Amino acid sequence: MKTNNTFIKNTRTNNCMCRSVRTAAAVLLLLLCVILTACSRGPTDEELQKNITAALDNDTQLKGQKLNIAVNEGELTIAGEVPTEAERLKAYKKAAETPGVKKVNDRIKVTPPPRIYTLPAGTTVRVTMLSGVDSSVNRVGETFPSKLVFALTSGDTVVIPEGTEVVVMLAEAQQAGRLKGASQLEVTLKSVTYLGTTYKLYSETVSAVGESRGKQSAKRIGIATGVGAAVGAIAGKGKGALIGAGIGAAGSTAYQLATKGPSVRIPAQTKLDFKLRDAVTITLPPKEQ
């Protein structure tokens, strides 16, 4: 009887140990499944977005580019603009090689940067006046259309072509009838419009001086420009012609000045040379590839 009790007791002990072992094994198996599931799941969409953004920012060629990253269940969409095809391919490759990315939707646009040129101070701008200016009629601040005689260039590149309209402004107008001395006009460049953009221009003035009031005899009269041309003319019968010296690389030029009594005029079709006082920056569309 005593032997049977001992046997039963040992059996119960063994059964408890077996249950403990099975329980521990089940727990270990569950933990292993959790670990394997976590490993197979891979990074979250948020983690993928951070990883890809970091990879792009760490690339010297792509850093600073405006690229947008969106991730949905491992499917990535990359959009934005880059200046070259090489940069587009590089961004796509970095996104596709990021661990956890299942698919890449490429929405990147290749947009070359605009071309920027600077016309330095001292640049000579030769224009043809399309309308006349009269000291007895026009007032300070009035503007007059003109057009470029020669293209404005930067090296071998034509920045603004010849024939482009340029606005000239009357900066000073004095009548001999209201002061001692001669009538005088001073004009300056105001702006140029090209490809839909208007650029302000700041130039030295071109001055036209007529004969003094009451002096009917033929007089020597002059026109002084910001580019320092020395010009002389002979006025007769109320009209005179000014012939200017060559200025810079533009070659010889002819100015015409008409006087009538105390007035002084710059007729239409007069060619004038202006010298830029300040540099101007011109932005052109990207060069076609």
C-alpha atoms as a PDB file:
ATOM      1  CA  MET A   1       0.000   0.000   0.000  1.00  0.00           C
ATOM      2  CA  LYS A   2       2.878   2.225   0.836  1.00  0.00           C
ATOM      3  CA  THR A   3       4.525   1.378  -2.450  1.00  0.00           C
ATOM      4  CA  ASN A   4       1.438   2.345  -4.422  1.00  0.00           C
ATOM      5  CA  ASN A   5       1.236   5.722  -2.734  1.00  0.00           C
ATOM      6  CA  THR A   6       4.856   6.413  -3.569  1.00  0.00           C
ATOM      7  CA  PHE A   7       4.265   5.470  -7.204  1.00  0.00           C
ATOM      8  CA  ILE A   8       1.247   7.724  -7.465  1.00  0.00           C
ATOM      9  CA  LYS A   9       3.140  10.594  -5.896  1.00  0.00           C
ATOM     10  CA  ASN A  10       6.049  10.221  -8.323  1.00  0.00           C
ATOM     11  CA  THR A  11       3.668  10.040 -11.262  1.00  0.00           C
ATOM     12  CA  ARG A  12       1.972  13.268 -10.243  1.00  0.00           C
ATOM     13  CA  THR A  13       5.342  14.972  -9.863  1.00  0.00           C
ATOM     14  CA  ASN A  14       6.430  13.862 -13.313  1.00  0.00           C
ATOM     15  CA  ASN A  15       3.174  15.070 -14.858  1.00  0.00           C
ATOM     16  CA  CYS A  16       3.630  18.508 -13.269  1.00  0.00           C
ATOM     17  CA  MET A  17       7.162  18.736 -14.610  1.00  0.00           C
ATOM     18  CA  CYS A  18       5.998  17.750 -18.073  1.00  0.00           C
ATOM     19  CA  ARG A  19       3.286  20.408 -18.003  1.00  0.00           C
ATOM     20  CA  SER A  20       5.852  23.012 -16.903  1.00  0.00           C
ATOM     21  CA  VAL A  21       8.192  22.021 -19.717  1.00  0.00           C
ATOM     22  CA  ARG A  22       5.376  22.159 -22.256  1.00  0.00           C
ATOM     23  CA  THR A  23       4.282  25.554 -20.986  1.00  0.00           C
ATOM     24  CA  ALA A  24       7.805  26.926 -21.165  1.00  0.00           C
ATOM     25  CA  ALA A  25       8.235  25.524 -24.647  1.00  0.00           C
ATOM     26  CA  ALA A  26       4.969  27.119 -25.757  1.00  0.00           C
ATOM     27  CA  VAL A  27       6.045  30.479 -24.361  1.00  0.00           C
ATOM     28  CA  LEU A  28       9.411  30.237 -26.101  1.00  0.00           C
ATOM     29  CA  LEU A  29       7.703  29.277 -29.347  1.00  0.00           C
ATOM     30  CA  LEU A  30       5.336  32.230 -29.054  1.00  0.00           C
ATOM     31  CA  LEU A  31       8.222  34.609 -28.435  1.00  0.00           C
ATOM     32  CA  LEU A  32      10.077  33.172 -31.406  1.00  0.00           C
ATOM     33  CA  CYS A  33       7.024  33.682 -33.614  1.00  0.00           C
ATOM     34  CA  VAL A  34       6.702  37.273 -32.457  1.00  0.00           C
ATOM     35  CA  ILE A  35      10.377  37.926 -33.193  1.00  0.00           C
ATOM     36  CA  LEU A  36      10.190  36.295 -36.622  1.00  0.00           C
ATOM     37  CA  THR A  37       7.036  38.208 -37.470  1.00  0.00           C
ATOM     38  CA  ALA A  38       8.650  41.495 -36.455  1.00  0.00           C
ATOM     39  CA  CYS A  39      11.723  40.727 -38.541  1.00  0.00           C
ATOM     40  CA  SER A  40       9.690  39.768 -41.595  1.00  0.00           C
ATOM     41  CA  ARG A  41       7.431  42.827 -41.289  1.00  0.00           C
ATOM     42  CA  GLY A  42      10.258  45.230 -42.141  1.00  0.00           C
ATOM     43  CA  PRO A  43      10.272  48.998 -41.535  1.00  0.00           C
ATOM     44  CA  THR A  44       7.058  50.964 -41.243  1.00  0.00           C
ATOM     45  CA  ASP A  45       6.022  53.523 -43.871  1.00  0.00           C
ATOM     46  CA  GLU A  46       7.148  56.304 -41.559  1.00  0.00           C
ATOM     47  CA  GLU A  47      10.531  54.660 -41.083  1.00  0.00           C
ATOM     48  CA  LEU A  48      10.900  54.182 -44.833  1.00  0.00           C
ATOM     49  CA  GLN A  49      10.148  57.830 -45.475  1.00  0.00           C
ATOM     50  CA  LYS A  50      12.764  58.920 -42.943  1.00  0.00           C
ATOM     51  CA  ASN A  51      15.353  56.480 -44.335  1.00  0.00           C
ATOM     52  CA  ILE A  52      14.859  57.628 -47.934  1.00  0.00           C
ATOM     53  CA  THR A  53      14.859  61.318 -47.019  1.00  0.00           C
ATOM     54  CA  ALA A  54      18.104  60.841 -45.101  1.00  0.00           C
ATOM     55  CA  ALA A  55      19.678  58.985 -48.041  1.00  0.00           C
ATOM     56  CA  LEU A  56      18.804  61.822 -50.433  1.00  0.00           C
ATOM     57  CA  ASP A  57      19.991  64.526 -48.035  1.00  0.00           C
ATOM     58  CA  ASN A  58      23.311  62.747 -47.524  1.00  0.00           C
ATOM     59  CA  ASP A  59      24.028  62.778 -51.258  1.00  0.00           C
ATOM     60  CA  THR A  60      25.943  65.916 -52.242  1.00  0.00           C
ATOM     61  CA  GLN A  61      24.404  65.972 -55.724  1.00  0.00           C
ATOM     62  CA  LEU A  62      20.836  65.647 -54.491  1.00  0.00           C
ATOM     63  CA  LYS A  63      21.050  67.654 -51.283  1.00  0.00           C
ATOM     64  CA  GLY A  64      18.844  70.720 -51.431  1.00  0.00           C
ATOM     65  CA  GLN A  65      16.694  69.438 -54.297  1.00  0.00           C
ATOM     66  CA  LYS A  66      12.946  69.866 -53.805  1.00  0.00           C
ATOM     67  CA  LEU A  67      11.821  66.235 -53.675  1.00  0.00           C
ATOM     68  CA  ASN A  68       8.682  64.981 -51.955  1.00  0.00           C
ATOM     69  CA  ILE A  69       8.532  61.429 -50.567  1.00  0.00           C
ATOM     70  CA  ALA A  70       5.257  59.609 -49.860  1.00  0.00           C
ATOM     71  CA  VAL A  71       5.052  55.956 -48.700  1.00  0.00           C
ATOM     72  CA  ASN A  72       1.955  53.758 -48.523  1.00  0.00           C
ATOM     73  CA  GLU A  73       2.354  50.120 -47.460  1.00  0.00           C
ATOM     74  CA  GLY A  74       5.881  50.018 -48.778  1.00  0.00           C
ATOM     75  CA  GLU A  75       4.965  51.610 -52.121  1.00  0.00           C
ATOM     76  CA  LEU A  76       6.897  54.828 -52.584  1.00  0.00           C
ATOM     77  CA  THR A  77       6.061  57.861 -54.701  1.00  0.00           C
ATOM     78  CA  ILE A  78       8.840  60.388 -55.273  1.00  0.00           C
ATOM     79  CA  ALA A  79       7.985  63.731 -56.893  1.00  0.00           C
ATOM     80  CA  GLY A  80       9.551  67.155 -57.387  1.00  0.00           C
ATOM     81  CA  GLU A  81      11.999  68.866 -59.734  1.00  0.00           C
ATOM     82  CA  VAL A  82      15.684  68.372 -60.517  1.00  0.00           C
ATOM     83  CA  PRO A  83      17.821  70.231 -63.065  1.00  0.00           C
ATOM     84  CA  THR A  84      19.212  67.206 -64.955  1.00  0.00           C
ATOM     85  CA  GLU A  85      18.265  63.704 -66.053  1.00  0.00           C
ATOM     86  CA  ALA A  86      21.285  62.306 -64.191  1.00  0.00           C
ATOM     87  CA  GLU A  87      19.945  63.647 -60.891  1.00  0.00           C
ATOM     88  CA  ARG A  88      16.501  62.198 -61.594  1.00  0.00           C
ATOM     89  CA  LEU A  89      17.968  58.728 -62.178  1.00  0.00           C
ATOM     90  CA  LYS A  90      20.136  58.993 -59.082  1.00  0.00           C
ATOM     91  CA  ALA A  91      17.192  59.908 -56.861  1.00  0.00           C
ATOM     92  CA  TYR A  92      15.131  57.044 -58.279  1.00  0.00           C
ATOM     93  CA  LYS A  93      17.946  54.554 -57.716  1.00  0.00           C
ATOM     94  CA  LYS A  94      18.502  55.600 -54.118  1.00  0.00           C
ATOM     95  CA  ALA A  95      14.794  55.279 -53.384  1.00  0.00           C
ATOM     96  CA  ALA A  96      14.541  51.854 -55.049  1.00  0.00           C
ATOM     97  CA  GLU A  97      17.592  50.502 -53.200  1.00  0.00           C
ATOM     98  CA  THR A  98      16.263  51.413 -49.751  1.00  0.00           C
ATOM     99  CA  PRO A  99      15.470  48.189 -47.800  1.00  0.00           C
ATOM    100  CA  GLY A 100      11.749  47.649 -47.402  1.00  0.00           C
ATOM    101  CA  VAL A 101      10.649  49.528 -50.520  1.00  0.00           C
ATOM    102  CA  LYS A 102       8.340  47.354 -52.612  1.00  0.00           C
ATOM    103  CA  LYS A 103       7.738  49.694 -55.534  1.00  0.00           C
ATOM    104  CA  VAL A 104       8.799  53.180 -56.677  1.00  0.00           C
ATOM    105  CA  ASN A 105       6.507  55.535 -58.589  1.00  0.00           C
ATOM    106  CA  ASP A 106       8.722  58.105 -60.322  1.00  0.00           C
ATOM    107  CA  ARG A 107       7.037  61.526 -60.595  1.00  0.00           C
ATOM    108  CA  ILE A 108      10.228  63.583 -60.802  1.00  0.00           C
ATOM    109  CA  LYS A 109      10.364  66.313 -63.471  1.00  0.00           C
ATOM    110  CA  VAL A 110      13.591  67.465 -65.072  1.00  0.00           C
ATOM    111  CA  THR A 111      13.508  71.278 -65.109  1.00  0.00           C
ATOM    112  CA  PRO A 112      16.779  72.973 -66.129  1.00  0.00           C
ATOM    113  CA  PRO A 113      17.526  76.194 -64.207  1.00  0.00           C
ATOM    114  CA  PRO A 114      17.081  79.587 -65.884  1.00  0.00           C
ATOM    115  CA  ARG A 115      20.078  81.287 -67.449  1.00  0.00           C
ATOM    116  CA  ILE A 116      21.240  84.406 -65.622  1.00  0.00           C
ATOM    117  CA  TYR A 117      23.436  87.069 -67.200  1.00  0.00           C
ATOM    118  CA  THR A 118      24.714  90.383 -65.879  1.00  0.00           C
ATOM    119  CA  LEU A 119      25.266  93.410 -68.098  1.00  0.00           C
ATOM    120  CA  PRO A 120      27.968  95.346 -66.228  1.00  0.00           C
ATOM    121  CA  ALA A 121      28.035  99.029 -65.472  1.00  0.00           C
ATOM    122  CA  GLY A 122      29.646 100.859 -68.369  1.00  0.00           C
ATOM    123  CA  THR A 123      27.870  98.793 -71.034  1.00  0.00           C
ATOM    124  CA  THR A 124      26.996 100.976 -74.030  1.00  0.00           C
ATOM    125  CA  VAL A 125      23.369 100.765 -75.135  1.00  0.00           C
ATOM    126  CA  ARG A 126      22.663 102.265 -78.545  1.00  0.00           C
ATOM    127  CA  VAL A 127      19.023 102.992 -79.367  1.00  0.00           C
ATOM    128  CA  THR A 128      17.018 104.570 -82.175  1.00  0.00           C
ATOM    129  CA  MET A 129      14.349 106.995 -80.972  1.00  0.00           C
ATOM    130  CA  LEU A 130      10.931 106.060 -82.345  1.00  0.00           C
ATOM    131  CA  SER A 131       9.361 109.396 -81.438  1.00  0.00           C
ATOM    132  CA  GLY A 132      10.744 112.894 -81.052  1.00  0.00           C
ATOM    133  CA  VAL A 133      11.388 114.892 -77.887  1.00  0.00           C
ATOM    134  CA  ASP A 134      10.755 118.675 -77.794  1.00  0.00           C
ATOM    135  CA  SER A 135      11.816 120.994 -74.982  1.00  0.00           C
ATOM    136  CA  SER A 136       8.814 123.250 -75.602  1.00  0.00           C
ATOM    137  CA  VAL A 137       6.245 120.447 -75.508  1.00  0.00           C
ATOM    138  CA  ASN A 138       7.433 117.538 -73.393  1.00  0.00           C
ATOM    139  CA  ARG A 139       7.837 117.500 -69.634  1.00  0.00           C
ATOM    140  CA  VAL A 140      10.214 115.795 -67.213  1.00  0.00           C
ATOM    141  CA  GLY A 141       9.154 112.222 -66.493  1.00  0.00           C
ATOM    142  CA  GLU A 142       7.564 111.589 -69.897  1.00  0.00           C
ATOM    143  CA  THR A 143       8.693 108.421 -71.619  1.00  0.00           C
ATOM    144  CA  PHE A 144       9.455 107.689 -75.244  1.00  0.00           C
ATOM    145  CA  PRO A 145       9.798 104.406 -77.145  1.00  0.00           C
ATOM    146  CA  SER A 146      13.052 103.438 -78.786  1.00  0.00           C
ATOM    147  CA  LYS A 147      14.628 100.215 -80.004  1.00  0.00           C
ATOM    148  CA  LEU A 148      18.026  98.611 -79.684  1.00  0.00           C
ATOM    149  CA  VAL A 149      20.336  99.194 -82.624  1.00  0.00           C
ATOM    150  CA  PHE A 150      22.694  96.416 -81.535  1.00  0.00           C
ATOM    151  CA  ALA A 151      22.048  93.338 -79.424  1.00  0.00           C
ATOM    152  CA  LEU A 152      23.216  93.327 -75.817  1.00  0.00           C
ATOM    153  CA  THR A 153      25.517  90.379 -75.316  1.00  0.00           C
ATOM    154  CA  SER A 154      27.444  88.497 -72.660  1.00  0.00           C
ATOM    155  CA  GLY A 155      30.440  86.862 -74.278  1.00  0.00           C
ATOM    156  CA  ASP A 156      29.099  85.061 -77.345  1.00  0.00           C
ATOM    157  CA  THR A 157      25.559  84.890 -75.953  1.00  0.00           C
ATOM    158  CA  VAL A 158      22.878  87.297 -77.153  1.00  0.00           C
ATOM    159  CA  VAL A 159      21.116  88.374 -73.975  1.00  0.00           C
ATOM    160  CA  ILE A 160      18.718  90.918 -75.514  1.00  0.00           C
ATOM    161  CA  PRO A 161      18.455  90.982 -79.324  1.00  0.00           C
ATOM    162  CA  GLU A 162      18.561  94.042 -81.526  1.00  0.00           C
ATOM    163  CA  GLY A 163      15.189  95.598 -82.229  1.00  0.00           C
ATOM    164  CA  THR A 164      13.960  95.051 -78.664  1.00  0.00           C
ATOM    165  CA  GLU A 165      11.944  98.029 -77.403  1.00  0.00           C
ATOM    166  CA  VAL A 166      13.644 100.236 -74.826  1.00  0.00           C
ATOM    167  CA  VAL A 167      11.917 103.032 -72.919  1.00  0.00           C
ATOM    168  CA  VAL A 168      13.717 106.396 -72.751  1.00  0.00           C
ATOM    169  CA  MET A 169      12.700 108.998 -70.164  1.00  0.00           C
ATOM    170  CA  LEU A 170      12.998 112.773 -70.232  1.00  0.00           C
ATOM    171  CA  ALA A 171      15.090 113.674 -67.193  1.00  0.00           C
ATOM    172  CA  GLU A 172      15.517 117.426 -67.748  1.00  0.00           C
ATOM    173  CA  ALA A 173      13.880 120.036 -70.020  1.00  0.00           C
ATOM    174  CA  GLN A 174      14.772 123.726 -69.960  1.00  0.00           C
ATOM    175  CA  GLN A 175      13.464 126.446 -72.226  1.00  0.00           C
ATOM    176  CA  ALA A 176      15.670 129.397 -73.183  1.00  0.00           C
ATOM    177  CA  GLY A 177      12.588 131.630 -72.997  1.00  0.00           C
ATOM    178  CA  ARG A 178      12.367 131.134 -69.223  1.00  0.00           C
ATOM    179  CA  LEU A 179      16.034 131.356 -68.319  1.00  0.00           C
ATOM    180  CA  LYS A 180      19.297 132.770 -69.452  1.00  0.00           C
ATOM    181  CA  GLY A 181      21.227 130.628 -71.881  1.00  0.00           C
ATOM    182  CA  ALA A 182      20.136 127.848 -74.207  1.00  0.00           C
ATOM    183  CA  SER A 183      17.325 125.340 -74.236  1.00  0.00           C
ATOM    184  CA  GLN A 184      18.363 121.908 -73.057  1.00  0.00           C
ATOM    185  CA  LEU A 185      17.074 118.336 -72.998  1.00  0.00           C
ATOM    186  CA  GLU A 186      18.430 115.455 -70.964  1.00  0.00           C
ATOM    187  CA  VAL A 187      17.201 111.927 -71.569  1.00  0.00           C
ATOM    188  CA  THR A 188      18.081 108.671 -69.856  1.00  0.00           C
ATOM    189  CA  LEU A 189      17.207 104.998 -70.160  1.00  0.00           C
ATOM    190  CA  LYS A 190      14.246 103.831 -68.070  1.00  0.00           C
ATOM    191  CA  SER A 191      13.602 100.166 -68.867  1.00  0.00           C
ATOM    192  CA  VAL A 192      13.742  97.333 -71.369  1.00  0.00           C
ATOM    193  CA  THR A 193      11.134  94.585 -71.752  1.00  0.00           C
ATOM    194  CA  TYR A 194      12.120  91.178 -73.079  1.00  0.00           C
ATOM    195  CA  LEU A 195      10.244  87.864 -73.041  1.00  0.00           C
ATOM    196  CA  GLY A 196       7.521  89.324 -70.858  1.00  0.00           C
ATOM    197  CA  THR A 197       9.849  90.688 -68.166  1.00  0.00           C
ATOM    198  CA  THR A 198      10.602  94.380 -67.659  1.00  0.00           C
ATOM    199  CA  TYR A 199      14.045  95.328 -66.344  1.00  0.00           C
ATOM    200  CA  LYS A 200      14.775  98.766 -64.915  1.00  0.00           C
ATOM    201  CA  LEU A 201      17.770 100.505 -66.436  1.00  0.00           C
ATOM    202  CA  TYR A 202      19.909 103.186 -64.819  1.00  0.00           C
ATOM    203  CA  SER A 203      22.126 105.071 -67.233  1.00  0.00           C
ATOM    204  CA  GLU A 204      24.006 108.299 -67.554  1.00  0.00           C
ATOM    205  CA  THR A 205      22.112 110.998 -69.424  1.00  0.00           C
ATOM    206  CA  VAL A 206      22.383 112.202 -72.992  1.00  0.00           C
ATOM    207  CA  SER A 207      22.043 115.999 -73.249  1.00  0.00           C
ATOM    208  CA  ALA A 208      20.967 118.135 -76.220  1.00  0.00           C
ATOM    209  CA  VAL A 209      21.677 121.878 -76.044  1.00  0.00           C
ATOM    210  CA  GLY A 210      20.194 124.426 -78.458  1.00  0.00           C
ATOM    211  CA  GLU A 211      21.135 128.018 -79.310  1.00  0.00           C
ATOM    212  CA  SER A 212      20.422 130.834 -76.867  1.00  0.00           C
ATOM    213  CA  ARG A 213      17.241 132.878 -77.187  1.00  0.00           C
ATOM    214  CA  GLY A 214      17.483 135.850 -79.549  1.00  0.00           C
ATOM    215  CA  LYS A 215      20.602 134.707 -81.313  1.00  0.00           C
ATOM    216  CA  GLN A 216      19.657 134.259 -84.955  1.00  0.00           C
ATOM    217  CA  SER A 217      23.096 133.805 -86.452  1.00  0.00           C
ATOM    218  CA  ALA A 218      24.522 130.360 -87.045  1.00  0.00           C
ATOM    219  CA  LYS A 219      26.126 129.036 -83.842  1.00  0.00           C
ATOM    220  CA  ARG A 220      28.172 126.059 -82.873  1.00  0.00           C
ATOM    221  CA  ILE A 221      26.067 123.879 -80.605  1.00  0.00           C
ATOM    222  CA  GLY A 222      26.858 120.624 -78.892  1.00  0.00           C
ATOM    223  CA  ILE A 223      25.510 117.435 -77.406  1.00  0.00           C
ATOM    224  CA  ALA A 224      27.197 115.790 -74.435  1.00  0.00           C
ATOM    225  CA  THR A 225      26.625 112.180 -73.467  1.00  0.00           C
ATOM    226  CA  GLY A 226      27.413 110.068 -70.446  1.00  0.00           C
ATOM    227  CA  VAL A 227      29.910 108.144 -72.562  1.00  0.00           C
ATOM    228  CA  GLY A 228      31.943 111.311 -73.029  1.00  0.00           C
ATOM    229  CA  ALA A 229      31.461 111.929 -76.750  1.00  0.00           C
ATOM    230  CA  ALA A 230      32.450 115.340 -78.010  1.00  0.00           C
ATOM    231  CA  VAL A 231      30.040 116.424 -80.704  1.00  0.00           C
ATOM    232  CA  GLY A 232      29.804 119.657 -82.722  1.00  0.00           C
ATOM    233  CA  ALA A 233      27.326 120.957 -85.266  1.00  0.00           C
ATOM    234  CA  ILE A 234      26.373 123.953 -87.334  1.00  0.00           C
ATOM    235  CA  ALA A 235      22.842 125.302 -87.045  1.00  0.00           C
ATOM    236  CA  GLY A 236      21.295 127.174 -89.930  1.00  0.00           C
ATOM    237  CA  LYS A 237      17.803 128.325 -90.830  1.00  0.00           C
ATOM    238  CA  GLY A 238      16.478 127.035 -87.546  1.00  0.00           C
ATOM    239  CA  LYS A 239      17.700 123.488 -88.097  1.00  0.00           C
ATOM    240  CA  GLY A 240      20.962 121.789 -87.367  1.00  0.00           C
ATOM    241  CA  ALA A 241      22.541 118.361 -87.569  1.00  0.00           C
ATOM    242  CA  LEU A 242      24.825 116.896 -84.950  1.00  0.00           C
ATOM    243  CA  ILE A 243      27.399 114.374 -86.045  1.00  0.00           C
ATOM    244  CA  GLY A 244      28.856 112.371 -83.194  1.00  0.00           C
ATOM    245  CA  ALA A 245      32.203 110.743 -82.675  1.00  0.00           C
ATOM    246  CA  GLY A 246      32.610 106.995 -82.458  1.00  0.00           C
ATOM    247  CA  ILE A 247      31.988 105.531 -79.010  1.00  0.00           C
ATOM    248  CA  GLY A 248      33.528 102.279 -77.825  1.00  0.00           C
ATOM    249  CA  ALA A 249      33.112  99.201 -79.954  1.00  0.00           C
ATOM    250  CA  ALA A 250      29.866 100.472 -81.399  1.00  0.00           C
ATOM    251  CA  GLY A 251      31.697 102.445 -84.085  1.00  0.00           C
ATOM    252  CA  SER A 252      30.686 105.843 -85.437  1.00  0.00           C
ATOM    253  CA  THR A 253      27.250 107.224 -84.723  1.00  0.00           C
ATOM    254  CA  ALA A 254      25.198 110.170 -85.883  1.00  0.00           C
ATOM    255  CA  TYR A 255      23.012 112.308 -83.632  1.00  0.00           C
ATOM    256  CA  GLN A 256      20.510 114.751 -85.037  1.00  0.00           C
ATOM    257  CA  LEU A 257      19.400 117.844 -83.189  1.00  0.00           C
ATOM    258  CA  ALA A 258      16.822 120.311 -84.496  1.00  0.00           C
ATOM    259  CA  THR A 259      16.380 123.785 -83.091  1.00  0.00           C
ATOM    260  CA  LYS A 260      13.539 126.187 -83.670  1.00  0.00           C
ATOM    261  CA  GLY A 261      13.761 129.503 -81.912  1.00  0.00           C
ATOM    262  CA  PRO A 262      14.418 128.876 -78.232  1.00  0.00           C
ATOM    263  CA  SER A 263      13.377 125.202 -78.429  1.00  0.00           C
ATOM    264  CA  VAL A 264      15.545 122.157 -78.876  1.00  0.00           C
ATOM    265  CA  ARG A 265      14.371 118.808 -80.213  1.00  0.00           C
ATOM    266  CA  ILE A 266      15.650 115.275 -80.591  1.00  0.00           C
ATOM    267  CA  PRO A 267      13.825 114.048 -83.697  1.00  0.00           C
ATOM    268  CA  ALA A 268      12.495 110.543 -84.253  1.00  0.00           C
ATOM    269  CA  GLN A 269      15.042 108.111 -85.739  1.00  0.00           C
ATOM    270  CA  THR A 270      17.880 109.804 -83.840  1.00  0.00           C
ATOM    271  CA  LYS A 271      20.458 107.289 -82.651  1.00  0.00           C
ATOM    272  CA  LEU A 272      21.671 107.803 -79.092  1.00  0.00           C
ATOM    273  CA  ASP A 273      24.352 106.042 -77.068  1.00  0.00           C
ATOM    274  CA  PHE A 274      23.709 105.520 -73.370  1.00  0.00           C
ATOM    275  CA  LYS A 275      26.152 104.129 -70.827  1.00  0.00           C
ATOM    276  CA  LEU A 276      24.770 101.945 -68.031  1.00  0.00           C
ATOM    277  CA  ARG A 277      25.454 103.466 -64.646  1.00  0.00           C
ATOM    278  CA  ASP A 278      24.457 100.326 -62.738  1.00  0.00           C
ATOM    279  CA  ALA A 279      24.752  96.680 -63.704  1.00  0.00           C
ATOM    280  CA  VAL A 280      21.533  94.889 -64.655  1.00  0.00           C
ATOM    281  CA  THR A 281      20.809  91.180 -64.250  1.00  0.00           C
ATOM    282  CA  ILE A 282      18.805  89.480 -67.012  1.00  0.00           C
ATOM    283  CA  THR A 283      17.102  86.117 -66.470  1.00  0.00           C
ATOM    284  CA  LEU A 284      16.431  83.995 -69.577  1.00  0.00           C
ATOM    285  CA  PRO A 285      14.553  80.687 -69.919  1.00  0.00           C
ATOM    286  CA  PRO A 286      16.568  77.456 -69.684  1.00  0.00           C
ATOM    287  CA  LYS A 287      18.490  76.526 -72.790  1.00  0.00           C
ATOM    288  CA  GLU A 288      16.698  73.904 -74.846  1.00  0.00           C
ATOM    289  CA  GLN A 289      18.390  70.524 -74.595  1.00  0.00           C
END
